[in-house]
Amino acid sequence: MNQLASDVGYCTLRIRVRYAECDAQQVVFNARYGDYADLAATEYMRALIGDFKNLLALGYDNQVVSLHIDWKRSATFDDVLDLITSIEHVGNTSFRLLINMHSVTQHNQLIAQAKVTYVVVDATSFKKVKMPALLLDNFKRKFDVFINQSGVE
């Protein structure tokens, strides 16, 4: 299903488009793709390091500094989407996630692609800091997690 590199970890979050996420034509409103990217990133981080509190307990947090979305086609009301998240880049103080949004309903066609860049910060001062080992080590780990919140197999 994933046409992505096999040497990194993946988290697929399956969701169903809800009526409230759509405009009058039952097409997903463009701002909702940012919400989808955030949901997918949250589940990826959970698959990566377990509870996010693990990062906070070490005195680190992360903040979004860039969100870029390319739309390929529209998702519509009641579509089932697979949000496939992987690491795309790891720097000294930041990392970028790649989120491919596919419609299961529309024969697995790519709907949109998001790239989200996070900077790692001190959890108290919110100043940028060097990437902690907890993240660096786990970014190298292979995993393939599937979370189904759609109600559809």
Protein backbone atom coordinates (compact mmCIF):
# COMPACT_ATOMS: atom_id res chain seq x y z
CA MET A 1 0.00 0.00 0.00
CA ASN A 2 2.77 2.44 0.86
CA GLN A 3 4.97 3.43 -2.05
CA LEU A 4 7.53 4.78 0.35
CA ALA A 5 11.01 3.86 1.53
CA SER A 6 11.14 0.69 3.60
CA ASP A 7 13.95 1.75 5.93
CA VAL A 8 11.92 4.02 8.23
CA GLY A 9 8.93 3.72 10.50
CA TYR A 10 5.37 4.34 9.33
CA CYS A 11 2.11 5.04 11.02
CA THR A 12 -1.13 4.80 9.06
CA LEU A 13 -4.17 6.44 10.59
CA ARG A 14 -7.45 5.46 8.90
CA ILE A 15 -10.27 7.98 9.37
CA ARG A 16 -13.67 8.70 7.85
CA VAL A 17 -14.53 12.19 6.57
CA ARG A 18 -17.28 13.62 8.74
CA TYR A 19 -20.08 15.88 7.51
CA ALA A 20 -18.89 18.82 9.63
CA GLU A 21 -15.50 18.77 7.82
CA CYS A 22 -17.13 19.50 4.45
CA ASP A 23 -18.50 22.52 2.62
CA ALA A 24 -22.00 22.74 1.09
CA GLN A 25 -20.88 20.59 -1.86
CA GLN A 26 -19.76 17.84 0.55
CA VAL A 27 -16.09 18.43 -0.34
CA VAL A 28 -13.58 18.53 2.52
CA PHE A 29 -12.85 22.15 3.42
CA ASN A 30 -9.18 22.96 2.73
CA ALA A 31 -8.32 23.93 6.33
CA ARG A 32 -9.35 20.45 7.54
CA TYR A 33 -6.30 18.93 5.84
CA GLY A 34 -4.20 20.74 8.44
CA ASP A 35 -6.32 19.04 11.11
CA TYR A 36 -5.78 15.68 9.40
CA ALA A 37 -2.02 16.30 9.29
CA ASP A 38 -2.03 17.09 13.03
CA LEU A 39 -4.02 13.93 13.85
CA ALA A 40 -1.63 11.83 11.76
CA ALA A 41 1.47 13.44 13.31
CA THR A 42 0.13 12.83 16.82
CA GLU A 43 -0.40 9.13 16.14
CA TYR A 44 3.03 8.88 14.45
CA MET A 45 4.69 10.37 17.54
CA ARG A 46 2.76 7.92 19.75
CA ALA A 47 4.02 5.03 17.57
CA LEU A 48 7.53 6.51 17.65
CA ILE A 49 8.04 7.19 21.36
CA GLY A 50 4.91 5.98 23.14
CA ASP A 51 3.17 8.54 25.28
CA PHE A 52 4.15 12.11 24.33
CA LYS A 53 4.72 12.68 28.04
CA ASN A 54 7.93 10.65 27.59
CA LEU A 55 9.39 13.57 25.65
CA LEU A 56 8.04 16.15 28.10
CA ALA A 57 9.48 14.20 31.06
CA LEU A 58 12.94 14.67 29.56
CA GLY A 59 12.35 18.43 29.35
CA TYR A 60 11.65 18.62 25.60
CA ASP A 61 8.72 19.61 23.44
CA ASN A 62 8.22 20.29 19.74
CA GLN A 63 6.49 23.08 17.87
CA VAL A 64 5.29 23.35 14.28
CA VAL A 65 7.30 25.88 12.29
CA SER A 66 6.06 24.98 8.81
CA LEU A 67 3.07 23.22 7.29
CA HIS A 68 2.95 22.75 3.53
CA ILE A 69 0.07 20.96 1.80
CA ASP A 70 -0.21 19.98 -1.86
CA TRP A 71 -3.69 18.95 -2.98
CA LYS A 72 -4.11 16.41 -5.77
CA ARG A 73 -7.91 15.84 -5.72
CA SER A 74 -10.81 16.31 -3.35
CA ALA A 75 -11.92 14.11 -0.51
CA THR A 76 -15.65 14.12 0.09
CA PHE A 77 -18.15 13.37 2.83
CA ASP A 78 -17.97 9.78 4.09
CA ASP A 79 -14.70 8.96 2.25
CA VAL A 80 -12.33 6.71 4.17
CA LEU A 81 -8.80 8.14 4.23
CA ASP A 82 -5.45 6.57 5.07
CA LEU A 83 -3.04 9.16 6.49
CA ILE A 84 0.40 7.58 6.08
CA THR A 85 3.10 9.33 8.11
CA SER A 86 6.87 8.87 8.04
CA ILE A 87 9.98 10.86 8.82
CA GLU A 88 11.32 12.76 5.82
CA HIS A 89 14.20 14.75 7.30
CA VAL A 90 16.07 14.97 10.62
CA GLY A 91 18.25 17.98 11.35
CA ASN A 92 20.14 19.17 14.42
CA THR A 93 17.15 20.88 16.04
CA SER A 94 14.23 20.06 13.74
CA PHE A 95 12.52 17.24 11.88
CA ARG A 96 10.02 17.03 9.03
CA LEU A 97 7.18 14.55 8.72
CA LEU A 98 5.71 13.48 5.39
CA ILE A 99 2.01 12.69 5.44
CA ASN A 100 0.46 11.10 2.36
CA MET A 101 -3.34 11.22 2.44
CA HIS A 102 -4.95 8.49 0.32
CA SER A 103 -8.64 7.85 -0.23
CA VAL A 104 -9.45 4.19 0.34
CA THR A 105 -12.93 4.94 -1.03
CA GLN A 106 -11.46 6.39 -4.25
CA HIS A 107 -9.29 3.35 -5.06
CA ASN A 108 -6.38 4.48 -2.85
CA GLN A 109 -5.78 7.64 -4.89
CA LEU A 110 -3.50 10.30 -3.40
CA ILE A 111 -5.70 13.15 -2.18
CA ALA A 112 -3.08 15.40 -0.58
CA GLN A 113 0.45 15.43 0.74
CA ALA A 114 1.52 17.40 3.79
CA LYS A 115 5.02 18.22 5.00
CA VAL A 116 5.18 19.38 8.60
CA THR A 117 8.40 20.73 10.10
CA TYR A 118 8.83 20.76 13.87
CA VAL A 119 11.54 22.39 15.94
CA VAL A 120 12.56 20.78 19.23
CA VAL A 121 12.43 23.17 22.17
CA ASP A 122 13.12 23.21 25.88
CA ALA A 123 9.74 22.45 27.52
CA THR A 124 10.12 25.31 30.00
CA SER A 125 11.79 28.16 28.10
CA PHE A 126 10.56 27.13 24.61
CA LYS A 127 14.02 27.91 23.24
CA LYS A 128 15.29 25.78 20.40
CA VAL A 129 17.54 22.90 21.52
CA LYS A 130 19.51 20.05 20.00
CA MET A 131 17.58 16.92 19.00
CA PRO A 132 17.32 14.54 21.99
CA ALA A 133 18.47 10.92 21.76
CA LEU A 134 14.90 9.72 22.38
CA LEU A 135 13.89 11.11 18.99
CA LEU A 136 17.15 10.47 17.12
CA ASP A 137 17.26 6.81 18.09
CA ASN A 138 13.61 6.17 17.31
CA PHE A 139 13.66 7.96 13.95
CA LYS A 140 16.04 5.16 12.84
CA ARG A 141 13.70 2.42 14.05
CA LYS A 142 11.55 0.50 11.57
CA PHE A 143 7.89 0.07 12.50
CA ASP A 144 4.56 -0.14 10.70
CA VAL A 145 1.59 0.80 12.84
CA PHE A 146 -2.02 0.81 11.59
CA ILE A 147 -4.72 2.65 13.58
CA ASN A 148 -8.27 2.37 12.34
CA GLN A 149 -10.66 5.08 13.54
CA SER A 150 -12.94 4.85 10.49
CA GLY A 151 -15.29 2.10 11.57
CA VAL A 152 -14.48 0.31 8.27
CA GLU A 153 -12.11 -2.63 7.83
